[in-house]
Protein backbone atom coordinates (compact mmCIF):
# COMPACT_ATOMS: atom_id res chain seq x y z
CA MET A 1 4.79 -5.23 3.66
CA SER A 2 8.41 -4.34 3.14
CA GLU A 3 9.76 -1.99 0.51
CA ASN A 4 11.44 -5.02 -1.11
CA ASP A 5 8.02 -6.65 -1.62
CA GLU A 6 6.72 -3.49 -3.26
CA SER A 7 9.76 -3.08 -5.51
CA ARG A 8 9.75 -6.72 -6.55
CA ALA A 9 6.04 -6.70 -7.35
CA LEU A 10 6.32 -3.47 -9.35
CA GLY A 11 9.32 -4.82 -11.26
CA VAL A 12 7.59 -8.06 -12.15
CA LEU A 13 4.29 -6.47 -13.14
CA ASP A 14 5.98 -3.74 -15.18
CA ASN A 15 6.11 -6.11 -18.17
CA GLN A 16 2.97 -6.51 -20.28
CA VAL A 17 3.74 -10.11 -21.27
CA ARG A 18 4.17 -11.16 -17.63
CA ARG A 19 0.87 -9.50 -16.77
CA GLY A 20 -0.72 -11.46 -19.62
CA ILE A 21 0.79 -14.69 -18.35
CA LEU A 22 -0.59 -14.10 -14.87
CA SER A 23 -4.04 -13.25 -16.23
CA HIS A 24 -4.23 -16.80 -17.62
CA LEU A 25 -2.50 -18.63 -14.78
CA VAL A 26 -4.88 -17.25 -12.12
CA ARG A 27 -7.64 -19.21 -13.86
CA GLU A 28 -5.89 -22.54 -14.28
CA PRO A 29 -2.40 -24.02 -14.81
CA HIS A 30 -0.91 -23.65 -18.31
CA TYR A 31 1.96 -25.05 -20.32
CA PRO A 32 4.48 -22.63 -21.86
CA LEU A 33 3.30 -23.56 -25.35
CA GLN A 34 -0.30 -22.75 -24.43
CA LEU A 35 0.73 -19.35 -23.12
CA ALA A 36 2.81 -18.65 -26.23
CA GLN A 37 -0.19 -19.35 -28.46
CA LEU A 38 -2.58 -17.31 -26.30
CA LEU A 39 -0.30 -14.26 -26.09
CA GLY A 40 1.21 -14.41 -29.57
CA VAL A 41 4.74 -14.56 -28.18
CA SER A 42 7.50 -17.09 -28.88
CA GLN A 43 7.72 -20.03 -26.51
CA GLN A 44 11.34 -19.09 -25.76
CA ALA A 45 10.26 -15.64 -24.60
CA ILE A 46 7.44 -17.13 -22.50
CA VAL A 47 9.91 -19.46 -20.76
CA LYS A 48 12.15 -16.48 -19.89
CA HIS A 49 9.24 -14.56 -18.42
CA LEU A 50 8.08 -17.61 -16.47
CA LYS A 51 11.59 -17.86 -15.01
CA VAL A 52 11.29 -14.25 -13.76
CA LEU A 53 7.87 -14.98 -12.26
CA GLU A 54 9.10 -18.17 -10.62
CA ASP A 55 12.20 -16.50 -9.16
CA ALA A 56 9.91 -13.85 -7.64
CA ASP A 57 7.65 -16.56 -6.14
CA PHE A 58 4.71 -15.45 -8.23
CA VAL A 59 4.33 -18.89 -9.84
CA ILE A 60 5.46 -22.47 -9.32
CA SER A 61 6.10 -25.19 -11.86
CA ASP A 62 5.31 -28.89 -11.77
CA ARG A 63 6.12 -31.72 -14.15
CA ILE A 64 3.12 -33.56 -15.54
CA PRO A 65 3.50 -36.95 -17.29
CA SER A 66 2.78 -36.77 -21.00
CA GLU A 67 -0.46 -38.39 -22.13
CA LYS A 68 1.31 -39.53 -25.29
CA GLY A 69 4.16 -41.30 -23.52
CA GLY A 70 6.71 -38.56 -24.08
CA PRO A 71 8.87 -36.82 -21.48
CA PRO A 72 7.06 -34.98 -18.61
CA ARG A 73 5.95 -31.44 -19.42
CA LYS A 74 6.23 -28.39 -17.20
CA VAL A 75 3.01 -26.75 -16.14
CA TYR A 76 2.83 -23.43 -14.28
CA SER A 77 0.35 -22.09 -11.71
CA VAL A 78 0.05 -19.04 -9.46
CA THR A 79 1.32 -19.42 -5.88
CA GLN A 80 0.58 -16.21 -3.96
CA SER A 81 -2.33 -13.84 -3.59
CA PHE A 82 -1.76 -10.14 -2.97
CA GLN A 83 -2.99 -6.69 -3.86
CA LEU A 84 -0.79 -3.84 -5.04
CA GLN A 85 -2.10 -0.27 -5.01
CA VAL A 86 -0.25 2.81 -6.22
CA VAL A 87 -1.46 6.38 -5.62
CA VAL A 88 0.50 9.32 -7.05
CA GLY A 89 -0.49 12.97 -7.08
CA PRO A 90 0.22 16.37 -5.53
CA ASP A 91 0.82 15.84 -1.81
CA ILE A 92 0.38 12.07 -2.00
CA PHE A 93 2.60 9.13 -2.92
CA LEU A 94 1.44 5.76 -1.67
CA ILE A 95 2.41 2.19 -2.55
CA GLU A 96 0.69 -0.62 -0.69
CA HIS A 97 1.49 -4.32 -1.09
CA ARG A 98 -0.73 -6.61 0.97
CA LYS A 99 -0.72 -10.39 0.97
CA LEU A 100 -4.07 -12.14 0.84
CA PRO A 101 -4.85 -15.64 2.15
CA HIS A 102 -5.65 -18.36 -0.35
CA LYS A 103 -8.53 -19.75 1.69
CA ARG A 104 -11.16 -18.42 4.09
CA HIS A 105 -9.49 -16.55 6.92
CA LYS A 106 -11.43 -16.16 10.17
CA GLU A 107 -9.50 -13.09 11.32
CA LEU A 108 -10.18 -11.28 8.06
CA GLU A 109 -13.79 -12.42 7.83
CA GLN A 110 -14.74 -10.44 10.92
CA HIS A 111 -14.37 -7.33 8.74
CA LEU A 112 -16.82 -8.60 6.12
CA PRO A 113 -20.21 -6.90 5.77
CA ASP A 114 -22.94 -9.08 7.27
CA ASN A 115 -24.63 -9.72 3.93
CA VAL A 116 -21.36 -10.90 2.35
CA ARG A 117 -20.54 -13.12 5.33
CA LYS A 118 -23.95 -14.76 4.98
CA ILE A 119 -23.31 -15.37 1.28
CA ALA A 120 -19.92 -16.95 2.03
CA ASP A 121 -21.37 -19.13 4.79
CA ARG A 122 -24.27 -20.26 2.63
CA LEU A 123 -22.06 -21.23 -0.31
CA GLU A 124 -19.55 -22.94 1.99
CA LYS A 125 -22.05 -25.32 3.55
CA LYS A 126 -23.33 -26.97 0.40
CA ASN A 127 -22.45 -27.72 -3.18
CA PRO A 128 -23.84 -24.57 -4.79
CA LEU A 129 -25.15 -24.27 -8.30
CA VAL A 130 -23.02 -22.24 -10.69
CA GLN A 131 -25.77 -19.64 -10.85
CA GLU A 132 -25.60 -19.22 -7.05
CA VAL A 133 -21.83 -18.71 -7.25
CA ILE A 134 -22.29 -16.10 -9.99
CA GLU A 135 -24.87 -14.23 -7.95
CA GLY A 136 -22.63 -14.33 -4.88
CA LEU A 137 -19.66 -13.00 -6.83
CA ALA A 138 -21.77 -10.21 -8.31
CA ARG A 139 -22.82 -9.11 -4.81
CA ILE A 140 -19.22 -9.14 -3.58
CA ASP A 141 -18.11 -7.15 -6.62
CA GLU A 142 -20.70 -4.51 -5.75
CA GLU A 143 -19.24 -4.24 -2.24
CA ILE A 144 -15.70 -3.98 -3.61
CA GLU A 145 -16.80 -1.18 -5.97
CA ALA A 146 -18.44 0.70 -3.09
CA LEU A 147 -15.31 0.33 -0.96
CA GLY A 148 -13.21 1.56 -3.88
CA LYS A 149 -15.28 4.72 -4.10
CA GLN A 150 -15.00 5.25 -0.35
CA ARG A 151 -11.24 4.79 -0.53
CA ASP A 152 -11.05 7.30 -3.39
CA ALA A 153 -12.98 9.81 -1.30
CA LEU A 154 -10.70 9.29 1.72
CA LEU A 155 -7.54 9.66 -0.34
CA SER A 156 -8.92 12.82 -1.95
CA ALA A 157 -9.78 14.24 1.48
CA ARG A 158 -6.32 13.42 2.79
CA GLN A 159 -4.72 15.05 -0.23
CA HIS A 160 -6.78 18.21 0.26
CA ILE A 161 -6.25 18.43 4.03
CA ARG A 162 -2.49 18.04 3.61
CA THR A 163 -2.42 21.22 1.53
CA LYS A 164 -3.44 23.13 4.68
CA ALA A 165 0.11 22.64 5.92
CA HIS A 166 1.67 24.33 2.87
CA PRO A 167 2.02 27.79 4.49
CA THR A 168 3.92 26.34 7.46
CA VAL A 169 6.15 24.19 5.26
CA ASP A 170 6.88 27.05 2.88
CA GLU A 171 8.09 29.21 5.77
CA LEU A 172 10.86 26.71 6.53
CA THR A 173 13.96 27.98 4.73
CA GLU A 174 16.15 24.90 5.15
CA TYR A 175 15.59 21.94 2.83
CA LYS A 176 16.24 19.47 5.66
CA GLU A 177 13.55 21.15 7.75
CA ARG A 178 11.03 20.88 4.91
CA THR A 179 12.02 17.26 4.24
CA LEU A 180 11.41 16.29 7.85
CA MET A 181 8.11 18.17 7.93
CA HIS A 182 6.98 16.42 4.73
CA HIS A 183 7.91 13.09 6.29
CA VAL A 184 5.80 13.81 9.38
CA LEU A 185 2.87 14.86 7.18
CA ASP A 186 3.21 11.74 5.05
CA GLU A 187 3.32 9.48 8.10
CA PRO A 188 1.67 11.38 10.98
CA GLY A 189 1.73 8.31 13.20
CA VAL A 190 5.49 7.85 12.94
CA SER A 191 7.66 8.13 16.04
CA LEU A 192 9.48 11.44 16.40
CA ASP A 193 12.36 9.80 18.22
CA PRO A 194 15.52 11.29 16.62
CA ASN A 195 17.15 7.84 16.52
CA VAL A 196 14.17 6.33 14.69
CA LEU A 197 13.99 9.24 12.23
CA SER A 198 17.74 9.05 11.70
CA ASN A 199 17.46 5.44 10.53
CA MET A 200 14.40 6.09 8.38
CA LEU A 201 15.79 9.20 6.67
CA SER A 202 19.48 8.20 6.64
CA VAL A 203 20.46 11.43 8.43
CA ASN A 204 22.71 11.81 11.47
CA THR A 205 20.86 11.93 14.79
CA SER A 206 22.46 15.25 15.68
CA GLU A 207 21.16 16.78 12.44
CA ILE A 208 17.66 15.42 13.15
CA GLU A 209 17.70 16.95 16.62
CA SER A 210 18.87 20.28 15.23
CA VAL A 211 16.13 20.31 12.60
CA LEU A 212 13.46 19.35 15.15
CA ASP A 213 14.57 22.21 17.40
CA ALA A 214 14.45 24.66 14.49
CA ILE A 215 10.96 23.53 13.44
CA GLN A 216 9.72 23.61 17.03
CA SER A 217 10.93 27.17 17.48
CA ARG A 218 9.25 28.35 14.29
CA ILE A 219 5.94 26.72 15.16
CA MET A 220 5.95 28.06 18.71
CA VAL A 221 6.55 31.61 17.48
CA ASP A 222 3.84 31.23 14.85
CA LEU A 223 1.40 29.92 17.46
CA SER A 224 2.07 32.83 19.77
CA LEU A 225 1.53 35.38 17.01
CA LYS A 226 -1.72 33.86 15.79
CA SER A 227 -3.26 33.22 19.21
CA ASP A 228 -2.05 36.39 20.95
CA ALA A 229 -0.66 34.14 23.65
CA VAL A 230 2.69 33.67 25.28
CA LEU A 231 4.13 30.19 25.64
CA ALA A 232 6.29 29.87 28.74
CA GLY A 233 8.03 27.11 30.59
CA ARG A 234 11.18 26.16 32.35
CA PRO A 235 14.31 25.93 30.20
CA SER A 236 14.21 22.14 30.56
CA THR A 237 10.58 21.86 29.43
CA ASN A 238 10.27 19.74 26.30
CA LEU A 239 7.21 21.10 24.51
CA PRO A 240 5.85 18.66 21.89
CA TRP A 241 6.01 20.82 18.77
CA TRP A 242 3.94 18.42 16.67
CA MET A 243 1.00 18.96 19.04
CA ALA A 244 1.65 22.62 19.78
CA LYS A 245 -1.17 23.89 17.60
CA GLY A 246 -3.77 21.45 18.83
CA GLY A 247 -5.54 24.24 20.72
CA THR A 248 -9.10 24.37 21.95
CA ARG A 249 -10.23 27.22 19.73
CA LYS A 250 -12.88 26.44 17.14
CA GLY A 251 -11.28 25.37 13.88
CA SER A 252 -7.88 24.79 15.46
CA GLY A 253 -5.83 21.85 14.25
CA PRO A 254 -2.32 20.51 13.97
CA PHE A 255 -1.32 23.43 11.72
């Protein structure tokens, strides 16, 4: 998802009243007056918050004829499904905004555990009893909890492993060098094309190239000193500095 999606979602969900509104609308459509009574907020304030939610495409409104013969009334319901995860800590800053399909999605279902897929298939093929639905949801919630713990463990491991690069980063005297190194560590799969990095970091391409050369030189010298080896090549040889320390010695790594 784009940074705009993340910023918009964070801005909308920053307000406690809007979060309260959504907590009711995900269950069933509501009228503004209903929401005002449930949340203990004035109807005028509720309408303003609904306007924010509607402008952000979080909810839609529809006019329902009045049962008492009066003018149609506006009713609101949730339109999009997504998950928003924020992780902040030493050596880690992560915001993920992912859209979720409203209905069963074959491409996503291939990632389901077999037992959960069987539950979904079984409940899809008949009119299940409420108790069966409850049991199915409880089983899925157990899987979600287990995945949450696994994700926590992975994030913790990533955070710890990233600290192994601190000595190398600390040796870089220029702030731009450290900034670029942090960027590579944050997104190790990113392209190291100077033009791509220039656009991502809003820095001139020539400056990016200069910083890359400086970092490459420092890492090559460090590698030679630690491995008692000499790195040699023709003047035109372009040694990939980000892989320079991926040696074959036991315990060797990117840094």
